[in-house]
Each structure stands twice: as structure tokens, then as C-alpha cells.
């Protein structure tokens, strides 16, 4: 969980690979991650973070719905854009 990033390349790379992102609540992540591709969490709220992880691991339908949106979300950050 990051407390500061510029342009988070690892987030963009994950989305481009079709991998949903679960990122700490910082402006750089909020710019890219929305509910269609993942979740934002407060790393200081340990119990909420654990609940989110459990939700992800136990709901394969939810996870697959996120995967389907990942590449579209990152398209504006491509070289051609």
C-alpha cells in the first residue's frame, strides 16, 4: 500500500494485463482506479482492508466482472492516446 506515487506504472501495467487493482487511497490511484476495475482502500483501516481481501477471494463472479473492464479503463494511457 502506497502513501504517495506520481503516475503509478504498476497500476497501469496491471490493468493493461487485465488484472483488477486494489490500491491505497491516494490521489494518483483515485485518478485511475474506479469501481469498474478494482477498489480503493484505506491502509490504516486494517479490518476494512481484510474484509475487502476476503470479498475478492470469495467472489469469483465479482472478480471476473472487474477483469472484463480493466483494459478499457487503461486505454487512455496508451502510447497511441
PDB file of N, CA and C in Angstrom:
ATOM      1  N   UNK A   1       0.845  -1.186   0.000  1.00  0.00           N
ATOM      2  CA  UNK A   1       0.000   0.000   0.000  1.00  0.00           C
ATOM      3  C   UNK A   1       0.882   1.238   0.000  1.00  0.00           C
ATOM      4  N   UNK A   2       0.680   2.076  -0.987  1.00  0.00           N
ATOM      5  CA  UNK A   2       1.482   3.288  -1.122  1.00  0.00           C
ATOM      6  C   UNK A   2       0.847   4.447  -0.375  1.00  0.00           C
ATOM      7  N   UNK A   3       1.685   5.359   0.090  1.00  0.00           N
ATOM      8  CA  UNK A   3       1.167   6.597   0.662  1.00  0.00           C
ATOM      9  C   UNK A   3       1.401   7.764  -0.288  1.00  0.00           C
ATOM     10  N   UNK A   4       2.231   7.560  -1.328  1.00  0.00           N
ATOM     11  CA  UNK A   4       2.465   8.577  -2.347  1.00  0.00           C
ATOM     12  C   UNK A   4       2.996   7.914  -3.609  1.00  0.00           C
ATOM     13  N   UNK A   5       2.512   8.360  -4.750  1.00  0.00           N
ATOM     14  CA  UNK A   5       3.055   7.953  -6.045  1.00  0.00           C
ATOM     15  C   UNK A   5       2.801   9.074  -7.041  1.00  0.00           C
ATOM     16  N   UNK A   6       3.643   9.124  -8.060  1.00  0.00           N
ATOM     17  CA  UNK A   6       3.382  10.014  -9.184  1.00  0.00           C
ATOM     18  C   UNK A   6       2.388   9.315 -10.092  1.00  0.00           C
ATOM     19  N   UNK A   7       2.818   8.879 -11.248  1.00  0.00           N
ATOM     20  CA  UNK A   7       1.980   8.070 -12.141  1.00  0.00           C
ATOM     21  C   UNK A   7       2.288   6.619 -11.807  1.00  0.00           C
ATOM     22  N   UNK A   8       1.369   5.910 -11.184  1.00  0.00           N
ATOM     23  CA  UNK A   8       1.655   4.555 -10.723  1.00  0.00           C
ATOM     24  C   UNK A   8       1.687   3.545 -11.873  1.00  0.00           C
ATOM     25  N   UNK A   9       2.872   3.345 -12.426  1.00  0.00           N
ATOM     26  CA  UNK A   9       3.019   2.441 -13.571  1.00  0.00           C
ATOM     27  C   UNK A   9       2.575   1.019 -13.269  1.00  0.00           C
ATOM     28  N   UNK A  10       2.802   0.550 -12.067  1.00  0.00           N
ATOM     29  CA  UNK A  10       2.391  -0.820 -11.743  1.00  0.00           C
ATOM     30  C   UNK A  10       0.870  -0.964 -11.828  1.00  0.00           C
ATOM     31  N   UNK A  11       0.132   0.068 -11.486  1.00  0.00           N
ATOM     32  CA  UNK A  11      -1.331   0.046 -11.601  1.00  0.00           C
ATOM     33  C   UNK A  11      -1.725  -0.004 -13.071  1.00  0.00           C
ATOM     34  N   UNK A  12      -1.112   0.837 -13.891  1.00  0.00           N
ATOM     35  CA  UNK A  12      -1.411   0.843 -15.324  1.00  0.00           C
ATOM     36  C   UNK A  12      -1.053  -0.487 -15.978  1.00  0.00           C
ATOM     37  N   UNK A  13       0.083  -1.051 -15.608  1.00  0.00           N
ATOM     38  CA  UNK A  13       0.514  -2.332 -16.178  1.00  0.00           C
ATOM     39  C   UNK A  13      -0.437  -3.461 -15.783  1.00  0.00           C
ATOM     40  N   UNK A  14      -0.883  -3.458 -14.545  1.00  0.00           N
ATOM     41  CA  UNK A  14      -1.826  -4.484 -14.103  1.00  0.00           C
ATOM     42  C   UNK A  14      -3.127  -4.386 -14.900  1.00  0.00           C
ATOM     43  N   UNK A  15      -3.669  -3.195 -15.026  1.00  0.00           N
ATOM     44  CA  UNK A  15      -4.912  -3.019 -15.773  1.00  0.00           C
ATOM     45  C   UNK A  15      -4.740  -3.413 -17.236  1.00  0.00           C
ATOM     46  N   UNK A  16      -3.616  -3.044 -17.833  1.00  0.00           N
ATOM     47  CA  UNK A  16      -3.360  -3.401 -19.228  1.00  0.00           C
ATOM     48  C   UNK A  16      -3.275  -4.914 -19.409  1.00  0.00           C
ATOM     49  N   UNK A  17      -2.913  -5.613 -18.344  1.00  0.00           N
ATOM     50  CA  UNK A  17      -2.833  -7.076 -18.382  1.00  0.00           C
ATOM     51  C   UNK A  17      -4.150  -7.741 -17.994  1.00  0.00           C
ATOM     52  N   UNK A  18      -5.170  -6.932 -17.713  1.00  0.00           N
ATOM     53  CA  UNK A  18      -6.467  -7.478 -17.334  1.00  0.00           C
ATOM     54  C   UNK A  18      -6.551  -7.893 -15.880  1.00  0.00           C
ATOM     55  N   UNK A  19      -5.711  -7.316 -15.042  1.00  0.00           N
ATOM     56  CA  UNK A  19      -5.688  -7.658 -13.627  1.00  0.00           C
ATOM     57  C   UNK A  19      -6.332  -6.533 -12.820  1.00  0.00           C
ATOM     58  N   UNK A  20      -7.407  -6.825 -12.089  1.00  0.00           N
ATOM     59  CA  UNK A  20      -8.033  -5.796 -11.248  1.00  0.00           C
ATOM     60  C   UNK A  20      -7.051  -5.263 -10.213  1.00  0.00           C
ATOM     61  N   UNK A  21      -7.261  -4.018  -9.811  1.00  0.00           N
ATOM     62  CA  UNK A  21      -6.342  -3.339  -8.908  1.00  0.00           C
ATOM     63  C   UNK A  21      -7.057  -2.983  -7.614  1.00  0.00           C
ATOM     64  N   UNK A  22      -6.398  -3.257  -6.520  1.00  0.00           N
ATOM     65  CA  UNK A  22      -6.874  -2.896  -5.199  1.00  0.00           C
ATOM     66  C   UNK A  22      -5.774  -2.039  -4.591  1.00  0.00           C
ATOM     67  N   UNK A  23      -6.023  -0.729  -4.553  1.00  0.00           N
ATOM     68  CA  UNK A  23      -4.958   0.227  -4.279  1.00  0.00           C
ATOM     69  C   UNK A  23      -5.285   1.123  -3.091  1.00  0.00           C
ATOM     70  N   UNK A  24      -4.226   1.615  -2.463  1.00  0.00           N
ATOM     71  CA  UNK A  24      -4.396   2.509  -1.327  1.00  0.00           C
ATOM     72  C   UNK A  24      -5.017   3.831  -1.780  1.00  0.00           C
ATOM     73  N   UNK A  25      -5.678   4.478  -0.840  1.00  0.00           N
ATOM     74  CA  UNK A  25      -6.431   5.698  -1.104  1.00  0.00           C
ATOM     75  C   UNK A  25      -5.504   6.912  -1.178  1.00  0.00           C
ATOM     76  N   UNK A  26      -4.957   7.136  -2.383  1.00  0.00           N
ATOM     77  CA  UNK A  26      -4.143   8.317  -2.658  1.00  0.00           C
ATOM     78  C   UNK A  26      -4.608   8.903  -3.986  1.00  0.00           C
ATOM     79  N   UNK A  27      -4.371  10.196  -4.234  1.00  0.00           N
ATOM     80  CA  UNK A  27      -4.871  10.828  -5.462  1.00  0.00           C
ATOM     81  C   UNK A  27      -4.445  10.136  -6.759  1.00  0.00           C
ATOM     82  N   UNK A  28      -3.214   9.672  -6.832  1.00  0.00           N
ATOM     83  CA  UNK A  28      -2.740   9.033  -8.071  1.00  0.00           C
ATOM     84  C   UNK A  28      -3.538   7.770  -8.374  1.00  0.00           C
ATOM     85  N   UNK A  29      -3.894   7.020  -7.360  1.00  0.00           N
ATOM     86  CA  UNK A  29      -4.696   5.811  -7.574  1.00  0.00           C
ATOM     87  C   UNK A  29      -6.144   6.161  -7.892  1.00  0.00           C
ATOM     88  N   UNK A  30      -6.686   7.166  -7.200  1.00  0.00           N
ATOM     89  CA  UNK A  30      -8.078   7.566  -7.450  1.00  0.00           C
ATOM     90  C   UNK A  30      -8.274   8.057  -8.886  1.00  0.00           C
ATOM     91  N   UNK A  31      -7.231   8.611  -9.473  1.00  0.00           N
ATOM     92  CA  UNK A  31      -7.316   9.084 -10.862  1.00  0.00           C
ATOM     93  C   UNK A  31      -7.528   7.929 -11.835  1.00  0.00           C
ATOM     94  N   UNK A  32      -7.030   6.759 -11.516  1.00  0.00           N
ATOM     95  CA  UNK A  32      -7.046   5.621 -12.432  1.00  0.00           C
ATOM     96  C   UNK A  32      -8.053   4.542 -12.019  1.00  0.00           C
ATOM     97  N   UNK A  33      -8.080   4.221 -10.739  1.00  0.00           N
ATOM     98  CA  UNK A  33      -8.894   3.099 -10.258  1.00  0.00           C
ATOM     99  C   UNK A  33     -10.293   3.586  -9.889  1.00  0.00           C
ATOM    100  N   UNK A  34     -11.283   2.944 -10.466  1.00  0.00           N
ATOM    101  CA  UNK A  34     -12.666   3.174 -10.060  1.00  0.00           C
ATOM    102  C   UNK A  34     -13.314   1.819  -9.800  1.00  0.00           C
ATOM    103  N   UNK A  35     -14.573   1.831  -9.441  1.00  0.00           N
ATOM    104  CA  UNK A  35     -15.240   0.588  -9.039  1.00  0.00           C
ATOM    105  C   UNK A  35     -15.406  -0.409 -10.175  1.00  0.00           C
ATOM    106  N   UNK A  36     -15.171   0.022 -11.409  1.00  0.00           N
ATOM    107  CA  UNK A  36     -15.291  -0.920 -12.523  1.00  0.00           C
ATOM    108  C   UNK A  36     -14.049  -1.789 -12.689  1.00  0.00           C
ATOM    109  N   UNK A  37     -12.934  -1.392 -12.077  1.00  0.00           N
ATOM    110  CA  UNK A  37     -11.682  -2.127 -12.253  1.00  0.00           C
ATOM    111  C   UNK A  37     -11.004  -2.521 -10.947  1.00  0.00           C
ATOM    112  N   UNK A  38     -11.596  -2.185  -9.831  1.00  0.00           N
ATOM    113  CA  UNK A  38     -10.985  -2.538  -8.561  1.00  0.00           C
ATOM    114  C   UNK A  38     -11.573  -1.777  -7.408  1.00  0.00           C
ATOM    115  N   UNK A  39     -10.773  -1.631  -6.390  1.00  0.00           N
ATOM    116  CA  UNK A  39     -11.218  -0.973  -5.171  1.00  0.00           C
ATOM    117  C   UNK A  39     -10.091  -0.130  -4.602  1.00  0.00           C
ATOM    118  N   UNK A  40     -10.489   0.951  -3.951  1.00  0.00           N
ATOM    119  CA  UNK A  40      -9.565   1.809  -3.214  1.00  0.00           C
ATOM    120  C   UNK A  40      -9.757   1.495  -1.730  1.00  0.00           C
ATOM    121  N   UNK A  41      -8.673   1.399  -0.980  1.00  0.00           N
ATOM    122  CA  UNK A  41      -8.801   1.104   0.444  1.00  0.00           C
ATOM    123  C   UNK A  41      -7.921   2.010   1.279  1.00  0.00           C
ATOM    124  N   UNK A  42      -8.312   2.164   2.514  1.00  0.00           N
ATOM    125  CA  UNK A  42      -7.545   2.931   3.495  1.00  0.00           C
ATOM    126  C   UNK A  42      -6.622   1.952   4.215  1.00  0.00           C
ATOM    127  N   UNK A  43      -5.327   2.021   3.951  1.00  0.00           N
ATOM    128  CA  UNK A  43      -4.424   1.052   4.560  1.00  0.00           C
ATOM    129  C   UNK A  43      -4.361   1.155   6.087  1.00  0.00           C
ATOM    130  N   UNK A  44      -4.817   2.262   6.644  1.00  0.00           N
ATOM    131  CA  UNK A  44      -4.832   2.410   8.097  1.00  0.00           C
ATOM    132  C   UNK A  44      -6.015   1.677   8.726  1.00  0.00           C
ATOM    133  N   UNK A  45      -7.013   1.337   7.913  1.00  0.00           N
ATOM    134  CA  UNK A  45      -8.190   0.620   8.411  1.00  0.00           C
ATOM    135  C   UNK A  45      -8.000  -0.868   8.125  1.00  0.00           C
ATOM    136  N   UNK A  46      -7.306  -1.522   9.023  1.00  0.00           N
ATOM    137  CA  UNK A  46      -6.914  -2.913   8.825  1.00  0.00           C
ATOM    138  C   UNK A  46      -8.119  -3.830   8.637  1.00  0.00           C
ATOM    139  N   UNK A  47      -9.147  -3.681   9.439  1.00  0.00           N
ATOM    140  CA  UNK A  47     -10.297  -4.587   9.340  1.00  0.00           C
ATOM    141  C   UNK A  47     -11.043  -4.402   8.023  1.00  0.00           C
ATOM    142  N   UNK A  48     -11.144  -3.172   7.536  1.00  0.00           N
ATOM    143  CA  UNK A  48     -11.794  -2.934   6.240  1.00  0.00           C
ATOM    144  C   UNK A  48     -10.957  -3.521   5.107  1.00  0.00           C
ATOM    145  N   UNK A  49      -9.651  -3.428   5.222  1.00  0.00           N
ATOM    146  CA  UNK A  49      -8.765  -3.997   4.208  1.00  0.00           C
ATOM    147  C   UNK A  49      -8.910  -5.516   4.169  1.00  0.00           C
ATOM    148  N   UNK A  50      -8.952  -6.154   5.322  1.00  0.00           N
ATOM    149  CA  UNK A  50      -9.129  -7.605   5.390  1.00  0.00           C
ATOM    150  C   UNK A  50     -10.483  -8.003   4.810  1.00  0.00           C
ATOM    151  N   UNK A  51     -11.519  -7.250   5.105  1.00  0.00           N
ATOM    152  CA  UNK A  51     -12.852  -7.535   4.556  1.00  0.00           C
ATOM    153  C   UNK A  51     -12.845  -7.454   3.042  1.00  0.00           C
ATOM    154  N   UNK A  52     -12.162  -6.446   2.495  1.00  0.00           N
ATOM    155  CA  UNK A  52     -12.076  -6.295   1.047  1.00  0.00           C
ATOM    156  C   UNK A  52     -11.333  -7.478   0.424  1.00  0.00           C
ATOM    157  N   UNK A  53     -10.249  -7.886   1.025  1.00  0.00           N
ATOM    158  CA  UNK A  53      -9.493  -9.025   0.504  1.00  0.00           C
ATOM    159  C   UNK A  53     -10.352 -10.289   0.529  1.00  0.00           C
ATOM    160  N   UNK A  54     -11.066 -10.510   1.612  1.00  0.00           N
ATOM    161  CA  UNK A  54     -11.945 -11.677   1.703  1.00  0.00           C
ATOM    162  C   UNK A  54     -13.033 -11.641   0.642  1.00  0.00           C
ATOM    163  N   UNK A  55     -13.586 -10.469   0.385  1.00  0.00           N
ATOM    164  CA  UNK A  55     -14.614 -10.322  -0.655  1.00  0.00           C
ATOM    165  C   UNK A  55     -14.049 -10.723  -2.016  1.00  0.00           C
ATOM    166  N   UNK A  56     -12.859 -10.248  -2.309  1.00  0.00           N
ATOM    167  CA  UNK A  56     -12.217 -10.539  -3.588  1.00  0.00           C
ATOM    168  C   UNK A  56     -11.973 -12.041  -3.741  1.00  0.00           C
ATOM    169  N   UNK A  57     -11.438 -12.661  -2.698  1.00  0.00           N
ATOM    170  CA  UNK A  57     -11.079 -14.070  -2.766  1.00  0.00           C
ATOM    171  C   UNK A  57     -12.290 -15.000  -2.794  1.00  0.00           C
ATOM    172  N   UNK A  58     -13.407 -14.540  -2.278  1.00  0.00           N
ATOM    173  CA  UNK A  58     -14.567 -15.425  -2.170  1.00  0.00           C
ATOM    174  C   UNK A  58     -15.605 -15.225  -3.273  1.00  0.00           C
ATOM    175  N   UNK A  59     -15.447 -14.200  -4.103  1.00  0.00           N
ATOM    176  CA  UNK A  59     -16.475 -13.892  -5.106  1.00  0.00           C
ATOM    177  C   UNK A  59     -15.865 -13.871  -6.506  1.00  0.00           C
ATOM    178  N   UNK A  60     -15.819 -15.027  -7.139  1.00  0.00           N
ATOM    179  CA  UNK A  60     -15.199 -15.130  -8.464  1.00  0.00           C
ATOM    180  C   UNK A  60     -15.997 -14.384  -9.530  1.00  0.00           C
ATOM    181  N   UNK A  61     -17.302 -14.260  -9.370  1.00  0.00           N
ATOM    182  CA  UNK A  61     -18.118 -13.507 -10.331  1.00  0.00           C
ATOM    183  C   UNK A  61     -17.752 -12.028 -10.280  1.00  0.00           C
ATOM    184  N   UNK A  62     -17.593 -11.504  -9.066  1.00  0.00           N
ATOM    185  CA  UNK A  62     -17.179 -10.109  -8.893  1.00  0.00           C
ATOM    186  C   UNK A  62     -15.806  -9.877  -9.522  1.00  0.00           C
ATOM    187  N   UNK A  63     -14.878 -10.761  -9.246  1.00  0.00           N
ATOM    188  CA  UNK A  63     -13.528 -10.635  -9.789  1.00  0.00           C
ATOM    189  C   UNK A  63     -13.536 -10.669 -11.311  1.00  0.00           C
ATOM    190  N   UNK A  64     -14.297 -11.547 -11.900  1.00  0.00           N
ATOM    191  CA  UNK A  64     -14.374 -11.643 -13.364  1.00  0.00           C
ATOM    192  C   UNK A  64     -15.002 -10.391 -13.968  1.00  0.00           C
ATOM    193  N   UNK A  65     -15.976  -9.798 -13.297  1.00  0.00           N
ATOM    194  CA  UNK A  65     -16.582  -8.574 -13.821  1.00  0.00           C
ATOM    195  C   UNK A  65     -15.567  -7.437 -13.840  1.00  0.00           C
ATOM    196  N   UNK A  66     -14.690  -7.391 -12.847  1.00  0.00           N
ATOM    197  CA  UNK A  66     -13.631  -6.382 -12.828  1.00  0.00           C
ATOM    198  C   UNK A  66     -12.642  -6.621 -13.967  1.00  0.00           C
ATOM    199  N   UNK A  67     -12.250  -7.861 -14.161  1.00  0.00           N
ATOM    200  CA  UNK A  67     -11.284  -8.206 -15.229  1.00  0.00           C
ATOM    201  C   UNK A  67     -11.753  -7.729 -16.595  1.00  0.00           C
ATOM    202  N   UNK A  68     -13.037  -7.865 -16.833  1.00  0.00           N
ATOM    203  CA  UNK A  68     -13.585  -7.507 -18.142  1.00  0.00           C
ATOM    204  C   UNK A  68     -13.473  -6.019 -18.445  1.00  0.00           C
ATOM    205  N   UNK A  69     -13.321  -5.183 -17.443  1.00  0.00           N
ATOM    206  CA  UNK A  69     -13.260  -3.732 -17.639  1.00  0.00           C
ATOM    207  C   UNK A  69     -11.849  -3.158 -17.629  1.00  0.00           C
ATOM    208  N   UNK A  70     -10.881  -3.935 -17.200  1.00  0.00           N
ATOM    209  CA  UNK A  70      -9.532  -3.409 -16.970  1.00  0.00           C
ATOM    210  C   UNK A  70      -8.890  -2.774 -18.206  1.00  0.00           C
ATOM    211  N   UNK A  71      -8.842  -3.481 -19.291  1.00  0.00           N
ATOM    212  CA  UNK A  71      -8.133  -2.960 -20.470  1.00  0.00           C
ATOM    213  C   UNK A  71      -8.793  -1.700 -21.015  1.00  0.00           C
ATOM    214  N   UNK A  72     -10.113  -1.628 -20.951  1.00  0.00           N
ATOM    215  CA  UNK A  72     -10.802  -0.419 -21.409  1.00  0.00           C
ATOM    216  C   UNK A  72     -10.460   0.782 -20.547  1.00  0.00           C
ATOM    217  N   UNK A  73     -10.313   0.568 -19.249  1.00  0.00           N
ATOM    218  CA  UNK A  73     -10.027   1.666 -18.332  1.00  0.00           C
ATOM    219  C   UNK A  73      -8.656   2.268 -18.565  1.00  0.00           C
ATOM    220  N   UNK A  74      -7.704   1.458 -18.979  1.00  0.00           N
ATOM    221  CA  UNK A  74      -6.329   1.938 -19.146  1.00  0.00           C
ATOM    222  C   UNK A  74      -6.060   2.442 -20.574  1.00  0.00           C
ATOM    223  N   UNK A  75      -6.965   2.261 -21.480  1.00  0.00           N
ATOM    224  CA  UNK A  75      -6.762   2.677 -22.886  1.00  0.00           C
ATOM    225  C   UNK A  75      -6.349   4.140 -23.040  1.00  0.00           C
ATOM    226  N   UNK A  76      -6.901   5.079 -22.277  1.00  0.00           N
ATOM    227  CA  UNK A  76      -6.482   6.488 -22.432  1.00  0.00           C
ATOM    228  C   UNK A  76      -5.012   6.747 -22.092  1.00  0.00           C
ATOM    229  N   UNK A  77      -4.354   5.806 -21.441  1.00  0.00           N
ATOM    230  CA  UNK A  77      -2.963   5.963 -21.057  1.00  0.00           C
ATOM    231  C   UNK A  77      -2.004   5.265 -22.020  1.00  0.00           C
ATOM    232  N   UNK A  78      -2.496   4.785 -23.146  1.00  0.00           N
ATOM    233  CA  UNK A  78      -1.648   4.078 -24.096  1.00  0.00           C
ATOM    234  C   UNK A  78      -0.767   5.050 -24.881  1.00  0.00           C
ATOM    235  N   UNK A  79       0.265   4.520 -25.538  1.00  0.00           N
ATOM    236  CA  UNK A  79       1.152   5.352 -26.351  1.00  0.00           C
ATOM    237  C   UNK A  79       0.371   6.038 -27.461  1.00  0.00           C
ATOM    238  N   UNK A  80      -0.544   5.332 -28.086  1.00  0.00           N
ATOM    239  CA  UNK A  80      -1.286   5.923 -29.200  1.00  0.00           C
ATOM    240  C   UNK A  80      -2.231   7.036 -28.751  1.00  0.00           C
ATOM    241  N   UNK A  81      -2.678   6.984 -27.515  1.00  0.00           N
ATOM    242  CA  UNK A  81      -3.551   8.046 -26.989  1.00  0.00           C
ATOM    243  C   UNK A  81      -2.754   9.269 -26.651  1.00  0.00           C
TER     244      UNK A  81
END
